[in-house]
Amino acid sequence: MPSPDSVQAVEYALPPFEQSLKTFSCECQSCQLCEKTRFLLPRLFFCGFLFPLCWLLSITLFGYTCCVVRGGVKFPQLDADELPTFYELEFSRTCVATPKELKKSKAVETIFGREHQSNSKSKSRSFTANQSDFIAIAKLEYLRSVSNDVLTSHNEIYRYHRNWALRTSLALAAYPLFAIFAVWISKK
């Protein structure tokens, strides 16, 4: 059994930080109630074909959770340790090269090696000056992604409940029409 290259072994030994990205959701009262009652809507819809009162319950549930309960978007509280640090930003920028890419990177290092050595002192001073700006921009991007996640989750939860309420309303409106049609056909 051939042993894997050392570069590949290191690649698989890295911790899976990037694989488990945390998504944020809205924390308003309406979204919390909607999440608790999410599983009921399809069940009430299909039970409504046998017991039409389930459709009325489903529409009432939508009206209460999405219209009566206060439903403004509420963002989660973020701890200071959830914001990205310089180490995490550098870790996400660096990647482990595979053996094919390793040959290319050695060629690039030999070409640009002399230029990097001469400019390293001036770059390190500008790097420390721009490091705080870099972290601030990264934190703003992180907060922007959190706000996008929260707004998206709020809209998806509302859209899910609205769609089931519309389906239920259409079924509730069509149910008497089917009953009238069945009576009309039975009289002929």
N, C-alpha and C. Protein backbone atom coordinates (compact mmCIF):
# COMPACT_ATOMS: atom_id res chain seq x y z
N MET A 1 0.85 -1.17 0.00
CA MET A 1 0.00 0.00 0.00
C MET A 1 0.89 1.23 0.00
N PRO A 2 0.78 2.08 -1.02
CA PRO A 2 1.64 3.26 -1.08
C PRO A 2 1.24 4.28 -0.02
N SER A 3 2.24 4.90 0.55
CA SER A 3 1.97 5.92 1.56
C SER A 3 1.64 7.23 0.87
N PRO A 4 0.71 7.99 1.40
CA PRO A 4 0.35 9.26 0.78
C PRO A 4 1.49 10.27 0.95
N ASP A 5 1.54 11.20 0.03
CA ASP A 5 2.54 12.26 0.14
C ASP A 5 2.33 13.02 1.43
N SER A 6 3.41 13.59 1.92
CA SER A 6 3.31 14.32 3.19
C SER A 6 2.40 15.53 3.05
N VAL A 7 2.38 16.13 1.87
CA VAL A 7 1.52 17.30 1.67
C VAL A 7 0.05 16.90 1.74
N GLN A 8 -0.28 15.78 1.14
CA GLN A 8 -1.66 15.32 1.19
C GLN A 8 -2.06 14.92 2.60
N ALA A 9 -1.14 14.33 3.34
CA ALA A 9 -1.44 13.95 4.72
C ALA A 9 -1.72 15.18 5.56
N VAL A 10 -0.97 16.24 5.34
CA VAL A 10 -1.20 17.49 6.08
C VAL A 10 -2.52 18.11 5.66
N GLU A 11 -2.85 17.98 4.39
CA GLU A 11 -4.10 18.55 3.90
C GLU A 11 -5.30 17.95 4.61
N TYR A 12 -5.27 16.64 4.87
CA TYR A 12 -6.38 16.00 5.55
C TYR A 12 -6.32 16.17 7.06
N ALA A 13 -5.18 16.59 7.58
CA ALA A 13 -5.03 16.76 9.02
C ALA A 13 -5.50 18.13 9.50
N LEU A 14 -5.78 19.03 8.58
CA LEU A 14 -6.22 20.37 8.98
C LEU A 14 -7.59 20.31 9.63
N PRO A 15 -7.83 21.14 10.62
CA PRO A 15 -9.14 21.13 11.27
C PRO A 15 -10.22 21.65 10.31
N PRO A 16 -11.41 21.13 10.41
CA PRO A 16 -12.48 21.49 9.47
C PRO A 16 -13.21 22.77 9.86
N PHE A 17 -12.49 23.89 10.01
CA PHE A 17 -13.15 25.14 10.38
C PHE A 17 -14.09 25.62 9.28
N GLU A 18 -13.64 25.54 8.06
CA GLU A 18 -14.43 26.08 6.96
C GLU A 18 -15.64 25.21 6.63
N GLN A 19 -15.63 23.95 7.05
CA GLN A 19 -16.72 23.06 6.70
C GLN A 19 -17.97 23.34 7.52
N SER A 20 -17.83 23.87 8.70
CA SER A 20 -18.98 24.11 9.56
C SER A 20 -19.20 25.60 9.72
N LEU A 21 -19.78 26.21 8.71
CA LEU A 21 -20.09 27.63 8.78
C LEU A 21 -21.40 27.82 9.53
N LYS A 22 -21.41 28.76 10.43
CA LYS A 22 -22.58 29.00 11.24
C LYS A 22 -23.52 29.93 10.47
N THR A 23 -24.79 29.57 10.43
CA THR A 23 -25.78 30.44 9.83
C THR A 23 -26.64 31.01 10.94
N PHE A 24 -27.05 32.23 10.76
CA PHE A 24 -27.83 32.93 11.77
C PHE A 24 -29.26 33.05 11.29
N SER A 25 -30.19 33.08 12.24
CA SER A 25 -31.60 33.22 11.90
C SER A 25 -32.21 34.33 12.74
N CYS A 26 -33.38 34.77 12.31
CA CYS A 26 -34.08 35.85 12.99
C CYS A 26 -34.56 35.37 14.36
N GLU A 27 -34.51 36.26 15.33
CA GLU A 27 -34.91 35.89 16.69
C GLU A 27 -36.16 36.65 17.16
N CYS A 28 -36.97 37.13 16.22
CA CYS A 28 -38.19 37.82 16.64
C CYS A 28 -39.21 36.79 17.13
N GLN A 29 -40.23 37.27 17.85
CA GLN A 29 -41.23 36.36 18.42
C GLN A 29 -42.01 35.62 17.34
N SER A 30 -42.28 36.32 16.24
CA SER A 30 -43.02 35.69 15.16
C SER A 30 -42.24 34.53 14.55
N CYS A 31 -40.96 34.74 14.30
CA CYS A 31 -40.15 33.67 13.71
C CYS A 31 -39.98 32.50 14.67
N GLN A 32 -39.88 32.78 15.94
CA GLN A 32 -39.76 31.69 16.91
C GLN A 32 -41.03 30.86 16.96
N LEU A 33 -42.19 31.52 16.94
CA LEU A 33 -43.46 30.77 16.91
C LEU A 33 -43.63 30.02 15.60
N CYS A 34 -43.23 30.65 14.50
CA CYS A 34 -43.34 29.98 13.20
C CYS A 34 -42.46 28.74 13.14
N GLU A 35 -41.28 28.80 13.72
CA GLU A 35 -40.40 27.63 13.73
C GLU A 35 -40.99 26.50 14.58
N LYS A 36 -41.68 26.87 15.67
CA LYS A 36 -42.29 25.85 16.52
C LYS A 36 -43.48 25.17 15.84
N THR A 37 -44.19 25.92 15.00
CA THR A 37 -45.40 25.38 14.37
C THR A 37 -45.18 25.01 12.91
N ARG A 38 -43.96 25.02 12.44
CA ARG A 38 -43.66 24.76 11.03
C ARG A 38 -44.13 23.37 10.58
N PHE A 39 -43.96 22.38 11.42
CA PHE A 39 -44.32 21.01 11.05
C PHE A 39 -45.83 20.82 10.98
N LEU A 40 -46.61 21.70 11.61
CA LEU A 40 -48.06 21.53 11.64
C LEU A 40 -48.74 21.89 10.32
N LEU A 41 -48.19 22.84 9.59
CA LEU A 41 -48.90 23.37 8.42
C LEU A 41 -49.16 22.32 7.34
N PRO A 42 -48.19 21.53 6.90
CA PRO A 42 -48.54 20.51 5.90
C PRO A 42 -49.51 19.46 6.44
N ARG A 43 -49.37 19.12 7.70
CA ARG A 43 -50.26 18.11 8.29
C ARG A 43 -51.69 18.63 8.37
N LEU A 44 -51.83 19.88 8.79
CA LEU A 44 -53.18 20.46 8.85
C LEU A 44 -53.79 20.59 7.46
N PHE A 45 -52.96 20.90 6.47
CA PHE A 45 -53.47 21.03 5.11
C PHE A 45 -54.04 19.71 4.61
N PHE A 46 -53.29 18.63 4.76
CA PHE A 46 -53.76 17.34 4.25
C PHE A 46 -54.86 16.74 5.11
N CYS A 47 -54.86 17.03 6.40
CA CYS A 47 -55.97 16.58 7.25
C CYS A 47 -57.25 17.36 6.93
N GLY A 48 -57.09 18.54 6.37
CA GLY A 48 -58.25 19.35 6.02
C GLY A 48 -59.14 18.73 4.96
N PHE A 49 -58.61 17.83 4.14
CA PHE A 49 -59.45 17.17 3.15
C PHE A 49 -60.47 16.24 3.82
N LEU A 50 -60.11 15.72 4.99
CA LEU A 50 -61.05 14.89 5.74
C LEU A 50 -61.85 15.71 6.74
N PHE A 51 -61.17 16.65 7.39
CA PHE A 51 -61.80 17.52 8.39
C PHE A 51 -61.52 18.97 8.02
N PRO A 52 -62.45 19.64 7.35
CA PRO A 52 -62.20 21.02 6.89
C PRO A 52 -61.90 22.01 8.02
N LEU A 53 -62.21 21.67 9.24
CA LEU A 53 -61.87 22.57 10.34
C LEU A 53 -60.36 22.70 10.52
N CYS A 54 -59.62 21.72 10.06
CA CYS A 54 -58.15 21.81 10.12
C CYS A 54 -57.65 22.96 9.24
N TRP A 55 -58.34 23.21 8.13
CA TRP A 55 -57.95 24.34 7.28
C TRP A 55 -58.18 25.66 8.00
N LEU A 56 -59.30 25.76 8.70
CA LEU A 56 -59.54 26.98 9.47
C LEU A 56 -58.50 27.16 10.57
N LEU A 57 -58.11 26.07 11.19
CA LEU A 57 -57.07 26.14 12.21
C LEU A 57 -55.73 26.58 11.59
N SER A 58 -55.43 26.09 10.41
CA SER A 58 -54.19 26.46 9.74
C SER A 58 -54.16 27.94 9.37
N ILE A 59 -55.27 28.46 8.88
CA ILE A 59 -55.34 29.89 8.54
C ILE A 59 -55.27 30.73 9.80
N THR A 60 -55.92 30.28 10.86
CA THR A 60 -55.84 31.00 12.14
C THR A 60 -54.42 30.99 12.68
N LEU A 61 -53.75 29.88 12.54
CA LEU A 61 -52.35 29.77 12.99
C LEU A 61 -51.46 30.73 12.21
N PHE A 62 -51.66 30.83 10.90
CA PHE A 62 -50.90 31.78 10.10
C PHE A 62 -51.19 33.21 10.53
N GLY A 63 -52.47 33.52 10.70
CA GLY A 63 -52.83 34.88 11.11
C GLY A 63 -52.24 35.27 12.45
N TYR A 64 -52.22 34.33 13.38
CA TYR A 64 -51.67 34.64 14.70
C TYR A 64 -50.16 34.78 14.67
N THR A 65 -49.47 33.79 14.06
CA THR A 65 -48.00 33.80 14.11
C THR A 65 -47.38 34.88 13.24
N CYS A 66 -48.00 35.22 12.13
CA CYS A 66 -47.37 36.17 11.21
C CYS A 66 -47.96 37.57 11.25
N CYS A 67 -49.18 37.72 11.75
CA CYS A 67 -49.81 39.05 11.72
C CYS A 67 -50.04 39.62 13.12
N VAL A 68 -50.48 38.81 14.06
CA VAL A 68 -50.81 39.31 15.40
C VAL A 68 -49.55 39.48 16.24
N VAL A 69 -48.70 38.46 16.26
CA VAL A 69 -47.48 38.52 17.06
C VAL A 69 -46.51 39.49 16.40
N ARG A 70 -45.82 40.24 17.24
CA ARG A 70 -44.88 41.24 16.73
C ARG A 70 -43.80 40.54 15.90
N GLY A 71 -43.64 40.99 14.66
CA GLY A 71 -42.76 40.28 13.74
C GLY A 71 -41.65 41.09 13.14
N GLY A 72 -41.13 42.09 13.82
CA GLY A 72 -40.00 42.84 13.28
C GLY A 72 -38.74 42.00 13.32
N VAL A 73 -37.83 42.25 12.40
CA VAL A 73 -36.59 41.49 12.34
C VAL A 73 -35.76 41.81 13.58
N LYS A 74 -35.30 40.75 14.25
CA LYS A 74 -34.46 40.90 15.44
C LYS A 74 -33.16 40.14 15.21
N PHE A 75 -32.06 40.87 15.27
CA PHE A 75 -30.75 40.27 15.02
C PHE A 75 -30.21 39.62 16.29
N PRO A 76 -29.48 38.52 16.15
CA PRO A 76 -28.92 37.86 17.33
C PRO A 76 -27.76 38.66 17.91
N GLN A 77 -27.53 38.49 19.20
CA GLN A 77 -26.39 39.13 19.85
C GLN A 77 -25.13 38.35 19.49
N LEU A 78 -24.12 39.06 19.01
CA LEU A 78 -22.87 38.42 18.65
C LEU A 78 -21.84 38.65 19.74
N ASP A 79 -21.18 37.58 20.13
CA ASP A 79 -20.09 37.70 21.09
C ASP A 79 -18.84 38.21 20.36
N ALA A 80 -17.91 38.73 21.14
CA ALA A 80 -16.67 39.23 20.55
C ALA A 80 -15.85 38.11 19.93
N ASP A 81 -15.98 36.90 20.46
CA ASP A 81 -15.20 35.79 19.91
C ASP A 81 -15.78 35.24 18.61
N GLU A 82 -16.99 35.65 18.23
CA GLU A 82 -17.57 35.21 16.97
C GLU A 82 -17.08 36.03 15.80
N LEU A 83 -16.59 37.24 16.05
CA LEU A 83 -16.07 38.07 14.97
C LEU A 83 -14.74 37.50 14.50
N PRO A 84 -14.43 37.65 13.22
CA PRO A 84 -13.19 37.06 12.71
C PRO A 84 -11.95 37.76 13.27
N THR A 85 -10.94 36.97 13.55
CA THR A 85 -9.66 37.50 14.03
C THR A 85 -8.66 37.45 12.88
N PHE A 86 -7.51 38.05 13.12
CA PHE A 86 -6.49 38.07 12.08
C PHE A 86 -6.00 36.66 11.78
N TYR A 87 -5.89 35.84 12.81
CA TYR A 87 -5.44 34.46 12.60
C TYR A 87 -6.42 33.70 11.69
N GLU A 88 -7.71 33.85 11.93
CA GLU A 88 -8.70 33.16 11.11
C GLU A 88 -8.66 33.66 9.67
N LEU A 89 -8.45 34.96 9.50
CA LEU A 89 -8.39 35.51 8.15
C LEU A 89 -7.16 34.99 7.41
N GLU A 90 -6.04 34.94 8.09
CA GLU A 90 -4.83 34.40 7.47
C GLU A 90 -4.98 32.91 7.20
N PHE A 91 -5.63 32.20 8.10
CA PHE A 91 -5.83 30.77 7.91
C PHE A 91 -6.70 30.50 6.70
N SER A 92 -7.72 31.31 6.50
CA SER A 92 -8.59 31.10 5.35
C SER A 92 -7.91 31.49 4.05
N ARG A 93 -6.94 32.41 4.11
CA ARG A 93 -6.24 32.82 2.89
C ARG A 93 -5.17 31.82 2.49
N THR A 94 -4.56 31.15 3.46
CA THR A 94 -3.52 30.18 3.13
C THR A 94 -4.16 28.86 2.79
N CYS A 95 -3.54 28.15 1.93
CA CYS A 95 -4.05 26.83 1.56
C CYS A 95 -2.86 25.90 1.38
N VAL A 96 -3.12 24.64 1.56
CA VAL A 96 -2.07 23.64 1.40
C VAL A 96 -2.02 23.25 -0.06
N ALA A 97 -0.82 23.25 -0.63
CA ALA A 97 -0.66 22.93 -2.04
C ALA A 97 -0.57 21.43 -2.23
N THR A 98 -1.15 20.96 -3.30
CA THR A 98 -0.99 19.56 -3.66
C THR A 98 0.34 19.41 -4.39
N PRO A 99 0.84 18.19 -4.58
CA PRO A 99 2.16 18.02 -5.20
C PRO A 99 2.29 18.68 -6.57
N LYS A 100 1.24 18.68 -7.40
CA LYS A 100 1.32 19.33 -8.70
C LYS A 100 1.47 20.84 -8.54
N GLU A 101 0.71 21.40 -7.61
CA GLU A 101 0.79 22.84 -7.38
C GLU A 101 2.08 23.20 -6.67
N LEU A 102 2.68 22.26 -5.96
CA LEU A 102 3.92 22.51 -5.23
C LEU A 102 5.05 22.81 -6.21
N LYS A 103 5.10 22.09 -7.32
CA LYS A 103 6.13 22.34 -8.33
C LYS A 103 5.97 23.74 -8.92
N LYS A 104 4.73 24.13 -9.20
CA LYS A 104 4.48 25.46 -9.75
C LYS A 104 4.84 26.53 -8.75
N SER A 105 4.54 26.32 -7.47
CA SER A 105 4.83 27.34 -6.47
C SER A 105 6.32 27.50 -6.26
N LYS A 106 7.11 26.40 -6.38
CA LYS A 106 8.57 26.52 -6.27
C LYS A 106 9.13 27.34 -7.41
N ALA A 107 8.57 27.17 -8.60
CA ALA A 107 9.03 27.96 -9.74
C ALA A 107 8.70 29.43 -9.54
N VAL A 108 7.55 29.71 -9.01
CA VAL A 108 7.16 31.10 -8.74
C VAL A 108 8.05 31.70 -7.67
N GLU A 109 8.39 30.91 -6.64
CA GLU A 109 9.26 31.41 -5.58
C GLU A 109 10.64 31.77 -6.11
N THR A 110 11.18 30.98 -7.02
CA THR A 110 12.52 31.29 -7.55
C THR A 110 12.49 32.54 -8.42
N ILE A 111 11.39 32.75 -9.12
CA ILE A 111 11.31 33.94 -9.97
C ILE A 111 11.17 35.20 -9.13
N PHE A 112 10.27 35.16 -8.15
CA PHE A 112 9.98 36.36 -7.37
C PHE A 112 10.73 36.42 -6.05
N GLY A 113 11.60 35.49 -5.78
CA GLY A 113 12.31 35.44 -4.50
C GLY A 113 13.18 36.65 -4.25
N ARG A 114 13.92 37.09 -5.25
CA ARG A 114 14.82 38.23 -5.09
C ARG A 114 14.04 39.51 -4.83
N GLU A 115 12.95 39.69 -5.55
CA GLU A 115 12.15 40.92 -5.38
C GLU A 115 11.53 40.97 -4.00
N HIS A 116 11.08 39.84 -3.50
CA HIS A 116 10.45 39.78 -2.18
C HIS A 116 11.45 40.10 -1.07
N GLN A 117 12.68 39.63 -1.20
CA GLN A 117 13.69 39.89 -0.17
C GLN A 117 14.04 41.36 -0.09
N SER A 118 14.07 42.06 -1.20
CA SER A 118 14.44 43.47 -1.17
C SER A 118 13.31 44.35 -0.63
N ASN A 119 12.08 43.96 -0.84
CA ASN A 119 10.94 44.79 -0.42
C ASN A 119 10.32 44.33 0.89
N SER A 120 10.90 43.37 1.59
CA SER A 120 10.26 42.80 2.78
C SER A 120 10.16 43.80 3.92
N LYS A 121 11.15 44.66 4.11
CA LYS A 121 11.11 45.61 5.23
C LYS A 121 10.03 46.67 5.02
N SER A 122 9.92 47.20 3.82
CA SER A 122 8.90 48.22 3.57
C SER A 122 7.50 47.62 3.59
N LYS A 123 7.37 46.39 3.14
CA LYS A 123 6.06 45.74 3.14
C LYS A 123 5.60 45.41 4.55
N SER A 124 6.52 45.06 5.45
CA SER A 124 6.12 44.70 6.81
C SER A 124 5.60 45.92 7.56
N ARG A 125 6.16 47.09 7.31
CA ARG A 125 5.67 48.31 7.98
C ARG A 125 4.27 48.67 7.47
N SER A 126 4.09 48.62 6.16
CA SER A 126 2.77 48.94 5.62
C SER A 126 1.75 47.87 5.99
N PHE A 127 2.22 46.64 6.16
CA PHE A 127 1.32 45.56 6.54
C PHE A 127 0.76 45.76 7.93
N THR A 128 1.59 46.15 8.88
CA THR A 128 1.09 46.36 10.24
C THR A 128 0.17 47.57 10.29
N ALA A 129 0.42 48.57 9.45
CA ALA A 129 -0.47 49.74 9.41
C ALA A 129 -1.82 49.37 8.83
N ASN A 130 -1.82 48.51 7.83
CA ASN A 130 -3.07 48.14 7.17
C ASN A 130 -3.76 46.96 7.84
N GLN A 131 -3.12 46.35 8.82
CA GLN A 131 -3.69 45.18 9.47
C GLN A 131 -4.99 45.52 10.19
N SER A 132 -5.03 46.64 10.89
CA SER A 132 -6.26 47.01 11.60
C SER A 132 -7.37 47.35 10.61
N ASP A 133 -7.03 47.99 9.49
CA ASP A 133 -8.04 48.27 8.47
C ASP A 133 -8.55 46.97 7.86
N PHE A 134 -7.64 46.04 7.65
CA PHE A 134 -8.01 44.75 7.07
C PHE A 134 -8.97 44.00 7.99
N ILE A 135 -8.68 44.01 9.27
CA ILE A 135 -9.56 43.33 10.24
C ILE A 135 -10.90 44.04 10.34
N ALA A 136 -10.90 45.38 10.31
CA ALA A 136 -12.16 46.13 10.38
C ALA A 136 -13.03 45.83 9.17
N ILE A 137 -12.43 45.78 8.00
CA ILE A 137 -13.19 45.47 6.79
C ILE A 137 -13.73 44.04 6.85
N ALA A 138 -12.92 43.12 7.36
CA ALA A 138 -13.37 41.73 7.48
C ALA A 138 -14.53 41.61 8.47
N LYS A 139 -14.47 42.36 9.56
CA LYS A 139 -15.57 42.33 10.54
C LYS A 139 -16.84 42.91 9.94
N LEU A 140 -16.71 43.98 9.16
CA LEU A 140 -17.90 44.54 8.50
C LEU A 140 -18.49 43.56 7.50
N GLU A 141 -17.64 42.87 6.77
CA GLU A 141 -18.13 41.86 5.84
C GLU A 141 -18.83 40.72 6.58
N TYR A 142 -18.28 40.35 7.72
CA TYR A 142 -18.90 39.30 8.53
C TYR A 142 -20.27 39.75 9.04
N LEU A 143 -20.34 40.99 9.53
CA LEU A 143 -21.63 41.51 10.01
C LEU A 143 -22.63 41.63 8.87
N ARG A 144 -22.15 41.98 7.69
CA ARG A 144 -23.04 42.05 6.53
C ARG A 144 -23.57 40.67 6.19
N SER A 145 -22.72 39.65 6.26
CA SER A 145 -23.20 38.30 5.97
C SER A 145 -24.18 37.82 7.04
N VAL A 146 -23.94 38.20 8.31
CA VAL A 146 -24.87 37.84 9.38
C VAL A 146 -26.23 38.50 9.13
N SER A 147 -26.22 39.78 8.77
CA SER A 147 -27.49 40.47 8.53
C SER A 147 -28.20 39.89 7.33
N ASN A 148 -27.46 39.50 6.29
CA ASN A 148 -28.09 38.85 5.14
C ASN A 148 -28.71 37.51 5.53
N ASP A 149 -28.01 36.75 6.37
CA ASP A 149 -28.56 35.47 6.85
C ASP A 149 -29.85 35.67 7.63
N VAL A 150 -29.85 36.68 8.51
CA VAL A 150 -31.03 36.93 9.35
C VAL A 150 -32.21 37.38 8.49
N LEU A 151 -31.97 38.31 7.58
CA LEU A 151 -33.06 38.78 6.72
C LEU A 151 -33.57 37.67 5.81
N THR A 152 -32.67 36.86 5.30
CA THR A 152 -33.08 35.75 4.45
C THR A 152 -33.91 34.74 5.24
N SER A 153 -33.47 34.42 6.45
CA SER A 153 -34.24 33.45 7.25
C SER A 153 -35.62 34.00 7.61
N HIS A 154 -35.70 35.30 7.95
CA HIS A 154 -36.98 35.91 8.28
C HIS A 154 -37.93 35.84 7.08
N ASN A 155 -37.42 36.19 5.91
CA ASN A 155 -38.25 36.17 4.70
C ASN A 155 -38.65 34.75 4.31
N GLU A 156 -37.74 33.80 4.46
CA GLU A 156 -38.07 32.41 4.11
C GLU A 156 -39.12 31.83 5.05
N ILE A 157 -39.02 32.13 6.32
CA ILE A 157 -40.01 31.64 7.28
C ILE A 157 -41.38 32.22 6.96
N TYR A 158 -41.43 33.53 6.70
CA TYR A 158 -42.71 34.16 6.37
C TYR A 158 -43.26 33.61 5.06
N ARG A 159 -42.40 33.44 4.06
CA ARG A 159 -42.84 32.93 2.76
C ARG A 159 -43.38 31.50 2.88
N TYR A 160 -42.72 30.69 3.69
CA TYR A 160 -43.17 29.31 3.90
C TYR A 160 -44.57 29.29 4.50
N HIS A 161 -44.80 30.08 5.54
CA HIS A 161 -46.12 30.12 6.18
C HIS A 161 -47.16 30.74 5.26
N ARG A 162 -46.77 31.77 4.51
CA ARG A 162 -47.72 32.40 3.59
C ARG A 162 -48.14 31.43 2.50
N ASN A 163 -47.19 30.67 1.96
CA ASN A 163 -47.53 29.72 0.90
C ASN A 163 -48.50 28.64 1.39
N TRP A 164 -48.28 28.13 2.59
CA TRP A 164 -49.20 27.14 3.12
C TRP A 164 -50.56 27.76 3.43
N ALA A 165 -50.58 29.02 3.86
CA ALA A 165 -51.86 29.69 4.12
C ALA A 165 -52.62 29.91 2.81
N LEU A 166 -51.91 30.26 1.74
CA LEU A 166 -52.58 30.44 0.45
C LEU A 166 -53.11 29.10 -0.08
N ARG A 167 -52.34 28.05 0.05
CA ARG A 167 -52.82 26.73 -0.37
C ARG A 167 -54.06 26.33 0.41
N THR A 168 -54.01 26.59 1.70
CA THR A 168 -55.14 26.25 2.56
C THR A 168 -56.36 27.08 2.19
N SER A 169 -56.16 28.36 1.91
CA SER A 169 -57.29 29.23 1.52
C SER A 169 -57.91 28.77 0.22
N LEU A 170 -57.07 28.40 -0.74
CA LEU A 170 -57.61 27.90 -2.01
C LEU A 170 -58.36 26.59 -1.81
N ALA A 171 -57.83 25.72 -0.99
CA ALA A 171 -58.52 24.45 -0.72
C ALA A 171 -59.84 24.70 0.01
N LEU A 172 -59.83 25.65 0.94
CA LEU A 172 -61.04 25.98 1.68
C LEU A 172 -62.09 26.60 0.77
N ALA A 173 -61.65 27.41 -0.20
CA ALA A 173 -62.60 28.01 -1.15
C ALA A 173 -63.11 26.97 -2.14
N ALA A 174 -62.26 26.02 -2.52
CA ALA A 174 -62.66 25.03 -3.52
C ALA A 174 -63.52 23.92 -2.92
N TYR A 175 -63.42 23.70 -1.64
CA TYR A 175 -64.15 22.61 -1.00
C TYR A 175 -65.67 22.76 -1.15
N PRO A 176 -66.26 23.94 -0.87
CA PRO A 176 -67.71 24.07 -1.10
C PRO A 176 -68.10 23.96 -2.57
N LEU A 177 -67.20 24.42 -3.46
CA LEU A 177 -67.51 24.28 -4.88
C LEU A 177 -67.58 22.81 -5.29
N PHE A 178 -66.67 22.00 -4.76
CA PHE A 178 -66.74 20.57 -5.04
C PHE A 178 -68.01 19.95 -4.45
N ALA A 179 -68.42 20.40 -3.29
CA ALA A 179 -69.65 19.88 -2.67
C ALA A 179 -70.86 20.26 -3.51
N ILE A 180 -70.92 21.51 -3.95
CA ILE A 180 -72.05 21.95 -4.80
C ILE A 180 -72.04 21.19 -6.12
N PHE A 181 -70.87 21.01 -6.70
CA PHE A 181 -70.76 20.28 -7.96
C PHE A 181 -71.19 18.82 -7.78
N ALA A 182 -70.83 18.21 -6.66
CA ALA A 182 -71.22 16.82 -6.40
C ALA A 182 -72.73 16.70 -6.23
N VAL A 183 -73.35 17.67 -5.54
CA VAL A 183 -74.80 17.65 -5.38
C VAL A 183 -75.48 17.88 -6.72
N TRP A 184 -74.97 18.77 -7.52
CA TRP A 184 -75.55 19.08 -8.83
C TRP A 184 -75.47 17.87 -9.76
N ILE A 185 -74.36 17.14 -9.72
CA ILE A 185 -74.21 15.96 -10.56
C ILE A 185 -75.11 14.83 -10.07
N SER A 186 -75.27 14.71 -8.76
CA SER A 186 -76.11 13.62 -8.23
C SER A 186 -77.58 13.84 -8.56
N LYS A 187 -78.02 15.09 -8.75
CA LYS A 187 -79.41 15.37 -9.09
C LYS A 187 -79.69 15.07 -10.55
N LYS A 188 -78.70 15.10 -11.40
CA LYS A 188 -78.93 14.82 -12.82
C LYS A 188 -79.04 13.39 -13.02
